[in-house]
C-alpha atoms as a PDB file:
ATOM      1  CA  MET A   1      12.696  -2.999  21.254  1.00  0.00           C
ATOM      2  CA  GLN A   2      12.605  -6.598  22.474  1.00  0.00           C
ATOM      3  CA  LEU A   3      11.631  -8.975  19.698  1.00  0.00           C
ATOM      4  CA  PRO A   4       8.244 -10.664  20.231  1.00  0.00           C
ATOM      5  CA  ASP A   5       8.181 -14.389  20.876  1.00  0.00           C
ATOM      6  CA  GLN A   6       5.978 -16.853  19.012  1.00  0.00           C
ATOM      7  CA  ALA A   7       3.194 -16.767  21.601  1.00  0.00           C
ATOM      8  CA  GLU A   8       3.016 -12.972  21.430  1.00  0.00           C
ATOM      9  CA  ILE A   9       2.765 -13.064  17.637  1.00  0.00           C
ATOM     10  CA  LEU A  10       0.041 -15.695  17.788  1.00  0.00           C
ATOM     11  CA  ALA A  11      -1.923 -13.649  20.339  1.00  0.00           C
ATOM     12  CA  TYR A  12      -1.542 -10.603  18.119  1.00  0.00           C
ATOM     13  CA  LEU A  13      -2.872 -12.437  15.065  1.00  0.00           C
ATOM     14  CA  ARG A  14      -5.859 -13.639  17.047  1.00  0.00           C
ATOM     15  CA  SER A  15      -6.622 -10.090  18.164  1.00  0.00           C
ATOM     16  CA  VAL A  16      -6.531  -8.684  14.614  1.00  0.00           C
ATOM     17  CA  PHE A  17      -8.260 -11.647  12.937  1.00  0.00           C
ATOM     18  CA  PRO A  18     -10.343 -13.190  15.748  1.00  0.00           C
ATOM     19  CA  GLU A  19     -12.598 -15.129  13.383  1.00  0.00           C
ATOM     20  CA  ALA A  20      -9.716 -17.135  11.898  1.00  0.00           C
ATOM     21  CA  GLU A  21      -8.297 -20.311  13.435  1.00  0.00           C
ATOM     22  CA  TRP A  22      -4.587 -19.913  14.140  1.00  0.00           C
ATOM     23  CA  ASN A  23      -2.158 -22.740  14.789  1.00  0.00           C
ATOM     24  CA  LEU A  24       1.268 -21.898  16.219  1.00  0.00           C
ATOM     25  CA  ASP A  25       3.180 -24.511  14.222  1.00  0.00           C
ATOM     26  CA  GLU A  26       1.491 -23.347  11.018  1.00  0.00           C
ATOM     27  CA  ILE A  27       2.305 -19.704  11.699  1.00  0.00           C
ATOM     28  CA  VAL A  28       5.961 -20.381  12.523  1.00  0.00           C
ATOM     29  CA  SER A  29       6.361 -22.514   9.398  1.00  0.00           C
ATOM     30  CA  PHE A  30       4.704 -19.798   7.291  1.00  0.00           C
ATOM     31  CA  TYR A  31       6.918 -16.998   8.589  1.00  0.00           C
ATOM     32  CA  LYS A  32      10.038 -19.101   8.126  1.00  0.00           C
ATOM     33  CA  THR A  33       9.071 -19.846   4.532  1.00  0.00           C
ATOM     34  CA  ILE A  34       8.451 -16.219   3.559  1.00  0.00           C
ATOM     35  CA  GLY A  35      11.660 -15.141   5.298  1.00  0.00           C
ATOM     36  CA  ILE A  36      10.428 -13.121   8.269  1.00  0.00           C
ATOM     37  CA  MET A  37      11.500 -15.714  10.876  1.00  0.00           C
ATOM     38  CA  ASN A  38      14.899 -17.376  11.096  1.00  0.00           C
ATOM     39  CA  PRO A  39      15.337 -21.188  11.203  1.00  0.00           C
ATOM     40  CA  SER A  40      15.012 -21.159  15.010  1.00  0.00           C
ATOM     41  CA  GLY A  41      11.563 -19.542  14.762  1.00  0.00           C
ATOM     42  CA  ARG A  42      12.451 -16.027  15.890  1.00  0.00           C
ATOM     43  CA  PRO A  43      11.703 -12.928  13.808  1.00  0.00           C
ATOM     44  CA  TYR A  44      14.711 -11.439  12.068  1.00  0.00           C
ATOM     45  CA  ALA A  45      15.423  -8.149  13.853  1.00  0.00           C
ATOM     46  CA  ALA A  46      15.426  -6.225  10.574  1.00  0.00           C
ATOM     47  CA  ARG A  47      12.012  -7.630   9.603  1.00  0.00           C
ATOM     48  CA  GLU A  48      10.139  -7.618  12.902  1.00  0.00           C
ATOM     49  CA  LYS A  49       8.487  -4.281  12.145  1.00  0.00           C
ATOM     50  CA  LYS A  50       7.544  -5.502   8.671  1.00  0.00           C
ATOM     51  CA  LEU A  51       5.692  -8.392  10.286  1.00  0.00           C
ATOM     52  CA  PHE A  52       3.354  -6.020  12.104  1.00  0.00           C
ATOM     53  CA  GLU A  53       3.027  -3.602   9.176  1.00  0.00           C
ATOM     54  CA  VAL A  54       1.844  -6.493   7.012  1.00  0.00           C
ATOM     55  CA  ILE A  55      -0.676  -7.707   9.598  1.00  0.00           C
ATOM     56  CA  PHE A  56      -2.254  -4.260   9.954  1.00  0.00           C
ATOM     57  CA  PHE A  57      -2.240  -3.543   6.215  1.00  0.00           C
ATOM     58  CA  ALA A  58      -3.667  -6.976   5.426  1.00  0.00           C
ATOM     59  CA  SER A  59      -6.640  -6.362   7.716  1.00  0.00           C
ATOM     60  CA  HIS A  60      -7.750  -3.528   5.420  1.00  0.00           C
ATOM     61  CA  VAL A  61      -7.228  -5.586   2.265  1.00  0.00           C
ATOM     62  CA  VAL A  62      -9.278  -8.418   3.771  1.00  0.00           C
ATOM     63  CA  ARG A  63     -12.045  -5.942   4.596  1.00  0.00           C
ATOM     64  CA  CYS A  64     -12.134  -4.920   0.929  1.00  0.00           C
ATOM     65  CA  VAL A  65     -12.316  -8.554  -0.185  1.00  0.00           C
ATOM     66  CA  GLU A  66     -15.230  -9.198   2.152  1.00  0.00           C
ATOM     67  CA  ASN A  67     -17.155  -6.402   0.421  1.00  0.00           C
ATOM     68  CA  ILE A  68     -16.855  -8.175  -2.941  1.00  0.00           C
ATOM     69  CA  SER A  69     -19.501 -10.773  -3.734  1.00  0.00           C
ATOM     70  CA  ARG A  70     -18.342 -14.389  -3.555  1.00  0.00           C
ATOM     71  CA  THR A  71     -19.978 -14.873  -6.965  1.00  0.00           C
ATOM     72  CA  ARG A  72     -17.402 -12.582  -8.562  1.00  0.00           C
ATOM     73  CA  GLU A  73     -13.746 -13.376  -9.100  1.00  0.00           C
ATOM     74  CA  THR A  74     -11.531 -11.329  -6.818  1.00  0.00           C
ATOM     75  CA  VAL A  75      -8.211 -10.169  -8.258  1.00  0.00           C
ATOM     76  CA  LEU A  76      -5.606  -8.356  -6.147  1.00  0.00           C
ATOM     77  CA  LEU A  77      -2.809  -6.405  -7.821  1.00  0.00           C
ATOM     78  CA  ASP A  78       0.119  -5.663  -5.489  1.00  0.00           C
ATOM     79  CA  CYS A  79       2.211  -2.796  -6.865  1.00  0.00           C
ATOM     80  CA  GLY A  80       5.876  -2.817  -5.917  1.00  0.00           C
ATOM     81  CA  CYS A  81       5.408  -6.236  -4.323  1.00  0.00           C
ATOM     82  CA  GLY A  82       9.064  -6.695  -3.321  1.00  0.00           C
ATOM     83  CA  ARG A  83       9.356  -9.991  -1.424  1.00  0.00           C
ATOM     84  CA  SER A  84       5.539 -10.251  -1.476  1.00  0.00           C
ATOM     85  CA  TYR A  85       5.131 -10.525   2.293  1.00  0.00           C
ATOM     86  CA  LEU A  86       1.745  -8.789   2.031  1.00  0.00           C
ATOM     87  CA  PRO A  87       0.055 -10.989  -0.604  1.00  0.00           C
ATOM     88  CA  PHE A  88       1.440 -14.154   1.016  1.00  0.00           C
ATOM     89  CA  PHE A  89      -0.105 -13.170   4.344  1.00  0.00           C
ATOM     90  CA  VAL A  90      -3.394 -12.033   2.799  1.00  0.00           C
ATOM     91  CA  ASN A  91      -3.495 -15.384   0.996  1.00  0.00           C
ATOM     92  CA  LEU A  92      -3.044 -17.197   4.308  1.00  0.00           C
ATOM     93  CA  VAL A  93      -5.866 -15.258   5.981  1.00  0.00           C
ATOM     94  CA  LEU A  94      -8.307 -15.640   3.106  1.00  0.00           C
ATOM     95  CA  ARG A  95      -7.685 -19.372   2.853  1.00  0.00           C
ATOM     96  CA  LYS A  96      -8.851 -19.595   6.431  1.00  0.00           C
ATOM     97  CA  LYS A  97     -11.968 -17.697   5.362  1.00  0.00           C
ATOM     98  CA  ARG A  98     -12.401 -19.993   2.348  1.00  0.00           C
ATOM     99  CA  ARG A  99     -12.203 -17.119  -0.102  1.00  0.00           C
ATOM    100  CA  ASN A 100     -10.787 -17.746  -3.563  1.00  0.00           C
ATOM    101  CA  ILE A 101      -8.657 -14.949  -4.968  1.00  0.00           C
ATOM    102  CA  THR A 102      -6.084 -14.353  -7.687  1.00  0.00           C
ATOM    103  CA  TYR A 103      -2.925 -12.469  -6.723  1.00  0.00           C
ATOM    104  CA  ILE A 104      -0.771 -10.530  -9.155  1.00  0.00           C
ATOM    105  CA  GLY A 105       2.496  -8.993  -7.992  1.00  0.00           C
ATOM    106  CA  VAL A 106       4.518  -6.514 -10.024  1.00  0.00           C
ATOM    107  CA  ASP A 107       7.988  -5.155  -9.280  1.00  0.00           C
ATOM    108  CA  THR A 108      10.892  -3.765 -11.290  1.00  0.00           C
ATOM    109  CA  GLU A 109      13.438  -6.053  -9.560  1.00  0.00           C
ATOM    110  CA  LEU A 110      13.755  -9.404 -11.348  1.00  0.00           C
ATOM    111  CA  ASP A 111      15.495 -11.067  -8.391  1.00  0.00           C
ATOM    112  CA  LEU A 112      12.510 -10.257  -6.158  1.00  0.00           C
ATOM    113  CA  ILE A 113      10.085 -11.644  -8.738  1.00  0.00           C
ATOM    114  CA  LYS A 114      12.052 -14.905  -8.909  1.00  0.00           C
ATOM    115  CA  LYS A 115      12.166 -15.099  -5.110  1.00  0.00           C
ATOM    116  CA  SER A 116       8.402 -14.534  -4.870  1.00  0.00           C
ATOM    117  CA  TYR A 117       7.746 -17.374  -7.309  1.00  0.00           C
ATOM    118  CA  GLN A 118      10.010 -19.682  -5.289  1.00  0.00           C
ATOM    119  CA  THR A 119       8.228 -18.791  -2.056  1.00  0.00           C
ATOM    120  CA  ALA A 120       4.774 -19.245  -3.602  1.00  0.00           C
ATOM    121  CA  GLU A 121       5.815 -22.687  -4.814  1.00  0.00           C
ATOM    122  CA  ALA A 122       7.167 -23.604  -1.375  1.00  0.00           C
ATOM    123  CA  LEU A 123       3.859 -22.563   0.204  1.00  0.00           C
ATOM    124  CA  GLY A 124       1.801 -24.351  -2.428  1.00  0.00           C
ATOM    125  CA  TYR A 125       0.082 -21.099  -3.383  1.00  0.00           C
ATOM    126  CA  MET A 126      -0.730 -21.715  -7.032  1.00  0.00           C
ATOM    127  CA  ASN A 127      -3.123 -18.757  -7.262  1.00  0.00           C
ATOM    128  CA  MET A 128      -0.277 -16.240  -7.436  1.00  0.00           C
ATOM    129  CA  GLU A 129       1.686 -14.749 -10.325  1.00  0.00           C
ATOM    130  CA  PHE A 130       4.507 -12.224 -10.404  1.00  0.00           C
ATOM    131  CA  HIS A 131       5.786  -9.956 -13.174  1.00  0.00           C
ATOM    132  CA  GLN A 132       8.794  -7.721 -13.720  1.00  0.00           C
ATOM    133  CA  SER A 133       7.528  -4.339 -14.888  1.00  0.00           C
ATOM    134  CA  SER A 134       7.077  -0.747 -13.916  1.00  0.00           C
ATOM    135  CA  ILE A 135       3.754  -0.247 -12.173  1.00  0.00           C
ATOM    136  CA  ILE A 136       2.294   2.277 -14.582  1.00  0.00           C
ATOM    137  CA  ASP A 137       3.139   0.200 -17.686  1.00  0.00           C
ATOM    138  CA  PHE A 138       1.897  -3.125 -16.351  1.00  0.00           C
ATOM    139  CA  LYS A 139      -1.060  -4.629 -18.210  1.00  0.00           C
ATOM    140  CA  PRO A 140      -2.646  -7.462 -16.222  1.00  0.00           C
ATOM    141  CA  GLU A 141      -4.577 -10.122 -18.122  1.00  0.00           C
ATOM    142  CA  LYS A 142      -7.320  -9.926 -15.497  1.00  0.00           C
ATOM    143  CA  GLU A 143      -8.742  -6.622 -14.305  1.00  0.00           C
ATOM    144  CA  PRO A 144      -8.130  -6.223 -10.553  1.00  0.00           C
ATOM    145  CA  ASN A 145     -10.888  -5.435  -8.066  1.00  0.00           C
ATOM    146  CA  ILE A 146      -8.268  -4.330  -5.547  1.00  0.00           C
ATOM    147  CA  VAL A 147      -4.996  -2.492  -6.147  1.00  0.00           C
ATOM    148  CA  CYS A 148      -2.639  -2.085  -3.211  1.00  0.00           C
ATOM    149  CA  ALA A 149       0.820  -0.722  -2.495  1.00  0.00           C
ATOM    150  CA  LEU A 150       2.649  -1.087   0.804  1.00  0.00           C
ATOM    151  CA  HIS A 151       5.513   1.422   0.977  1.00  0.00           C
ATOM    152  CA  ALA A 152       6.083   1.721  -2.759  1.00  0.00           C
ATOM    153  CA  CYS A 153       8.914   4.233  -2.819  1.00  0.00           C
ATOM    154  CA  ASP A 154       8.215   7.936  -3.493  1.00  0.00           C
ATOM    155  CA  THR A 155       6.389   8.370  -6.822  1.00  0.00           C
ATOM    156  CA  ALA A 156       5.860   4.600  -7.217  1.00  0.00           C
ATOM    157  CA  THR A 157       2.884   5.209  -4.931  1.00  0.00           C
ATOM    158  CA  ASP A 158       1.571   7.709  -7.489  1.00  0.00           C
ATOM    159  CA  GLU A 159       1.981   5.046 -10.164  1.00  0.00           C
ATOM    160  CA  ALA A 160       0.052   2.537  -8.062  1.00  0.00           C
ATOM    161  CA  ILE A 161      -2.820   4.928  -7.386  1.00  0.00           C
ATOM    162  CA  ALA A 162      -2.974   6.073 -11.007  1.00  0.00           C
ATOM    163  CA  ARG A 163      -2.810   2.510 -12.350  1.00  0.00           C
ATOM    164  CA  GLY A 164      -5.622   1.511 -10.016  1.00  0.00           C
ATOM    165  CA  ILE A 165      -7.742   4.352 -11.328  1.00  0.00           C
ATOM    166  CA  GLN A 166      -6.896   3.512 -14.952  1.00  0.00           C
ATOM    167  CA  LEU A 167      -7.800  -0.146 -14.385  1.00  0.00           C
ATOM    168  CA  LYS A 168     -11.096   0.900 -12.751  1.00  0.00           C
ATOM    169  CA  ALA A 169     -10.315  -0.991  -9.553  1.00  0.00           C
ATOM    170  CA  ARG A 170     -13.123  -0.851  -7.023  1.00  0.00           C
ATOM    171  CA  PHE A 171     -10.676  -0.547  -4.122  1.00  0.00           C
ATOM    172  CA  ILE A 172      -7.270   1.147  -3.924  1.00  0.00           C
ATOM    173  CA  VAL A 173      -5.287   0.745  -0.701  1.00  0.00           C
ATOM    174  CA  ALA A 174      -1.927   2.467  -0.348  1.00  0.00           C
ATOM    175  CA  ALA A 175       0.527   3.168   2.453  1.00  0.00           C
ATOM    176  CA  PRO A 176       3.104   5.581   0.963  1.00  0.00           C
ATOM    177  CA  CYS A 177       6.783   5.186   1.727  1.00  0.00           C
ATOM    178  CA  CYS A 178       8.204   8.680   1.253  1.00  0.00           C
ATOM    179  CA  GLN A 179       7.248  11.986  -0.308  1.00  0.00           C
ATOM    180  CA  ARG A 180      10.552  13.255  -1.639  1.00  0.00           C
ATOM    181  CA  GLN A 181       9.174  14.588  -4.914  1.00  0.00           C
ATOM    182  CA  ILE A 182       6.931  17.178  -3.248  1.00  0.00           C
ATOM    183  CA  VAL A 183       9.351  17.885  -0.384  1.00  0.00           C
ATOM    184  CA  ARG A 184      11.962  18.925  -2.958  1.00  0.00           C
ATOM    185  CA  GLN A 185       9.498  21.318  -4.573  1.00  0.00           C
ATOM    186  CA  ILE A 186       7.897  23.117  -1.649  1.00  0.00           C
ATOM    187  CA  GLY A 187      11.031  25.099  -0.844  1.00  0.00           C
ATOM    188  CA  LYS A 188      10.492  26.986  -4.095  1.00  0.00           C
ATOM    189  CA  ALA A 189       6.930  27.845  -3.102  1.00  0.00           C
ATOM    190  CA  SER A 190       8.080  30.209  -0.360  1.00  0.00           C
ATOM    191  CA  ALA A 191       9.477  32.553  -3.013  1.00  0.00           C
ATOM    192  CA  GLU A 192       5.949  32.949  -4.421  1.00  0.00           C
ATOM    193  CA  VAL A 193       4.084  32.813  -1.099  1.00  0.00           C
ATOM    194  CA  PRO A 194       6.133  34.490   1.684  1.00  0.00           C
ATOM    195  CA  GLU A 195       3.727  33.177   4.367  1.00  0.00           C
ATOM    196  CA  LEU A 196       5.076  29.672   3.691  1.00  0.00           C
ATOM    197  CA  LYS A 197       8.670  30.587   4.482  1.00  0.00           C
ATOM    198  CA  PRO A 198       8.555  29.501   8.184  1.00  0.00           C
ATOM    199  CA  PHE A 199       7.492  26.024   7.057  1.00  0.00           C
ATOM    200  CA  VAL A 200      10.572  25.494   4.919  1.00  0.00           C
ATOM    201  CA  GLU A 201      13.255  27.058   7.121  1.00  0.00           C
ATOM    202  CA  THR A 202      13.891  23.785   8.976  1.00  0.00           C
ATOM    203  CA  LYS A 203      14.274  20.343   7.464  1.00  0.00           C
ATOM    204  CA  ILE A 204      11.809  18.655   9.800  1.00  0.00           C
ATOM    205  CA  ALA A 205       9.067  21.236   9.233  1.00  0.00           C
ATOM    206  CA  LYS A 206       9.527  21.023   5.478  1.00  0.00           C
ATOM    207  CA  GLU A 207       9.293  17.226   5.596  1.00  0.00           C
ATOM    208  CA  TYR A 208       6.118  17.271   7.682  1.00  0.00           C
ATOM    209  CA  VAL A 209       4.527  19.810   5.363  1.00  0.00           C
ATOM    210  CA  GLY A 210       5.654  17.723   2.389  1.00  0.00           C
ATOM    211  CA  VAL A 211       4.062  14.584   3.791  1.00  0.00           C
ATOM    212  CA  ALA A 212       0.764  16.307   4.578  1.00  0.00           C
ATOM    213  CA  LEU A 213       0.679  18.075   1.217  1.00  0.00           C
ATOM    214  CA  THR A 214       1.563  14.971  -0.811  1.00  0.00           C
ATOM    215  CA  GLU A 215      -1.047  12.738   0.808  1.00  0.00           C
ATOM    216  CA  THR A 216      -3.754  15.395   0.719  1.00  0.00           C
ATOM    217  CA  LEU A 217      -3.136  15.901  -2.999  1.00  0.00           C
ATOM    218  CA  ARG A 218      -3.276  12.128  -3.564  1.00  0.00           C
ATOM    219  CA  LYS A 219      -6.517  11.941  -1.582  1.00  0.00           C
ATOM    220  CA  LEU A 220      -8.053  14.759  -3.646  1.00  0.00           C
ATOM    221  CA  ALA A 221      -6.837  13.139  -6.874  1.00  0.00           C
ATOM    222  CA  LEU A 222      -8.592   9.904  -5.939  1.00  0.00           C
ATOM    223  CA  GLU A 223     -11.740  11.771  -4.943  1.00  0.00           C
ATOM    224  CA  SER A 224     -11.755  13.727  -8.196  1.00  0.00           C
ATOM    225  CA  CYS A 225     -11.824  10.377 -10.025  1.00  0.00           C
ATOM    226  CA  GLY A 226     -14.894   9.269  -8.092  1.00  0.00           C
ATOM    227  CA  TYR A 227     -13.437   7.469  -5.079  1.00  0.00           C
ATOM    228  CA  LYS A 228     -14.514   7.816  -1.459  1.00  0.00           C
ATOM    229  CA  VAL A 229     -11.241   8.078   0.464  1.00  0.00           C
ATOM    230  CA  ASP A 230     -10.326   7.514   4.087  1.00  0.00           C
ATOM    231  CA  MET A 231      -6.908   8.745   5.216  1.00  0.00           C
ATOM    232  CA  PHE A 232      -5.624   7.552   8.594  1.00  0.00           C
ATOM    233  CA  GLU A 233      -2.731   5.971  10.505  1.00  0.00           C
ATOM    234  CA  PHE A 234      -2.923   2.234   9.862  1.00  0.00           C
ATOM    235  CA  VAL A 235      -0.169   1.037  12.211  1.00  0.00           C
ATOM    236  CA  PRO A 236       1.308   2.387  15.468  1.00  0.00           C
ATOM    237  CA  THR A 237       4.337   4.635  14.993  1.00  0.00           C
ATOM    238  CA  ARG A 238       6.520   2.262  17.030  1.00  0.00           C
ATOM    239  CA  TYR A 239       6.504  -0.039  14.002  1.00  0.00           C
ATOM    240  CA  THR A 240       7.014   2.619  11.351  1.00  0.00           C
ATOM    241  CA  PRO A 241       6.721   6.413  11.047  1.00  0.00           C
ATOM    242  CA  LYS A 242       5.464   5.815   7.496  1.00  0.00           C
ATOM    243  CA  ASN A 243       2.034   4.882   8.763  1.00  0.00           C
ATOM    244  CA  ILE A 244      -0.403   6.898   6.643  1.00  0.00           C
ATOM    245  CA  MET A 245      -2.934   4.875   4.687  1.00  0.00           C
ATOM    246  CA  LEU A 246      -5.208   5.932   1.847  1.00  0.00           C
ATOM    247  CA  ARG A 247      -8.123   3.504   1.531  1.00  0.00           C
ATOM    248  CA  ALA A 248     -10.342   4.307  -1.430  1.00  0.00           C
ATOM    249  CA  GLU A 249     -13.524   2.818  -2.886  1.00  0.00           C
ATOM    250  CA  LYS A 250     -15.017   3.768  -6.254  1.00  0.00           C
ATOM    251  CA  LYS A 251     -18.409   5.425  -5.758  1.00  0.00           C
ATOM    252  CA  GLN A 252     -19.091   7.745  -8.716  1.00  0.00           C
ATOM    253  CA  ALA A 253     -17.785   8.776 -12.129  1.00  0.00           C
ATOM    254  CA  HIS A 254     -15.972  11.898 -10.948  1.00  0.00           C
ATOM    255  CA  ASN A 255     -16.051  14.673  -8.365  1.00  0.00           C
ATOM    256  CA  PRO A 256     -15.574  18.211  -9.781  1.00  0.00           C
ATOM    257  CA  GLU A 257     -15.402  19.782  -6.317  1.00  0.00           C
ATOM    258  CA  SER A 258     -12.424  17.638  -5.312  1.00  0.00           C
ATOM    259  CA  LEU A 259     -10.762  18.357  -8.657  1.00  0.00           C
ATOM    260  CA  ARG A 260     -11.036  22.090  -8.033  1.00  0.00           C
ATOM    261  CA  ALA A 261      -9.642  21.611  -4.514  1.00  0.00           C
ATOM    262  CA  TYR A 262      -6.722  19.576  -5.904  1.00  0.00           C
ATOM    263  CA  GLN A 263      -5.872  22.226  -8.474  1.00  0.00           C
ATOM    264  CA  ALA A 264      -6.184  25.074  -5.972  1.00  0.00           C
ATOM    265  CA  LEU A 265      -3.899  23.389  -3.435  1.00  0.00           C
ATOM    266  CA  ARG A 266      -1.373  22.404  -6.100  1.00  0.00           C
ATOM    267  CA  ASP A 267      -1.256  25.908  -7.510  1.00  0.00           C
ATOM    268  CA  TYR A 268      -1.056  27.602  -4.113  1.00  0.00           C
ATOM    269  CA  PHE A 269       2.058  25.614  -3.207  1.00  0.00           C
ATOM    270  CA  ASN A 270       3.368  25.856  -6.784  1.00  0.00           C
ATOM    271  CA  VAL A 271       4.117  22.126  -7.020  1.00  0.00           C
ATOM    272  CA  LYS A 272       3.738  19.580  -9.830  1.00  0.00           C
ATOM    273  CA  PRO A 273       2.650  16.265  -8.302  1.00  0.00           C
ATOM    274  CA  LYS A 274       3.852  13.222 -10.217  1.00  0.00           C
ATOM    275  CA  ILE A 275       0.389  11.663 -10.165  1.00  0.00           C
ATOM    276  CA  GLN A 276      -0.905  14.157 -12.741  1.00  0.00           C
ATOM    277  CA  ASP A 277       1.670  12.896 -15.245  1.00  0.00           C
ATOM    278  CA  PHE A 278      -0.339   9.667 -15.260  1.00  0.00           C
ATOM    279  CA  LEU A 279      -3.791  11.222 -14.902  1.00  0.00           C
ATOM    280  CA  PRO A 280      -3.979  14.152 -17.341  1.00  0.00           C
ATOM    281  CA  GLU A 281      -7.548  14.863 -16.258  1.00  0.00           C
ATOM    282  CA  LEU A 282      -6.059  16.423 -13.117  1.00  0.00           C
ATOM    283  CA  LEU A 283      -4.477  19.161 -15.201  1.00  0.00           C
END
């Protein structure tokens, strides 16, 4: 794929966020500072897809923010923040919208936390903080309205969803990275349910079934805890095959029907999703 030039990136930003004012020099400087563009102003080949993933994901986070009253403090918790490309970009967009927000990033890698602090300082973004911790054990000083996770690896996505539920976040937005935990388990299910055997005889079929099963169970887990959940492809597959998004908003205390559906699906496939280790009510 040919790397996009600066004008193409600017046009793309304007199409996704048409209400914001975009300046080419500002955008190039921003992407250089966060490490997506090289010193000559071209996207690094290895990070070009990340650029577009972040833009698409950020549009859904911004939509959540716009549904929170300006009279209330908005706190975003980014789980598995890595280099924090997502919160840096969301910060940029919301500054253009004159929205005040507090960002909290958490990651297990200390080097990434240090790098995020350095980048925030270089950008002058003093409304951001970063912490080294596992997602599920992290205790923020401020309760987040929004919890997000962009490609938190395997069961780290389960931690992010569960922590969002535990913290009573109004919005939970997650784009899972991989579903290895369930994929490893579904092969055993065919011994109990012979009809499933054709699905696990080839690696690709097993992986597709594992993806669909994992995300459906996560969706039902969120619904059982009172969230309204949309599940969809948030970015074209040319940028990443890991393009499923779960976008959830808290609507009620709990949903017994979704809990029964979760348990029935789990038991039929004879799997033990990691998310129920963190949310015992699913058992």
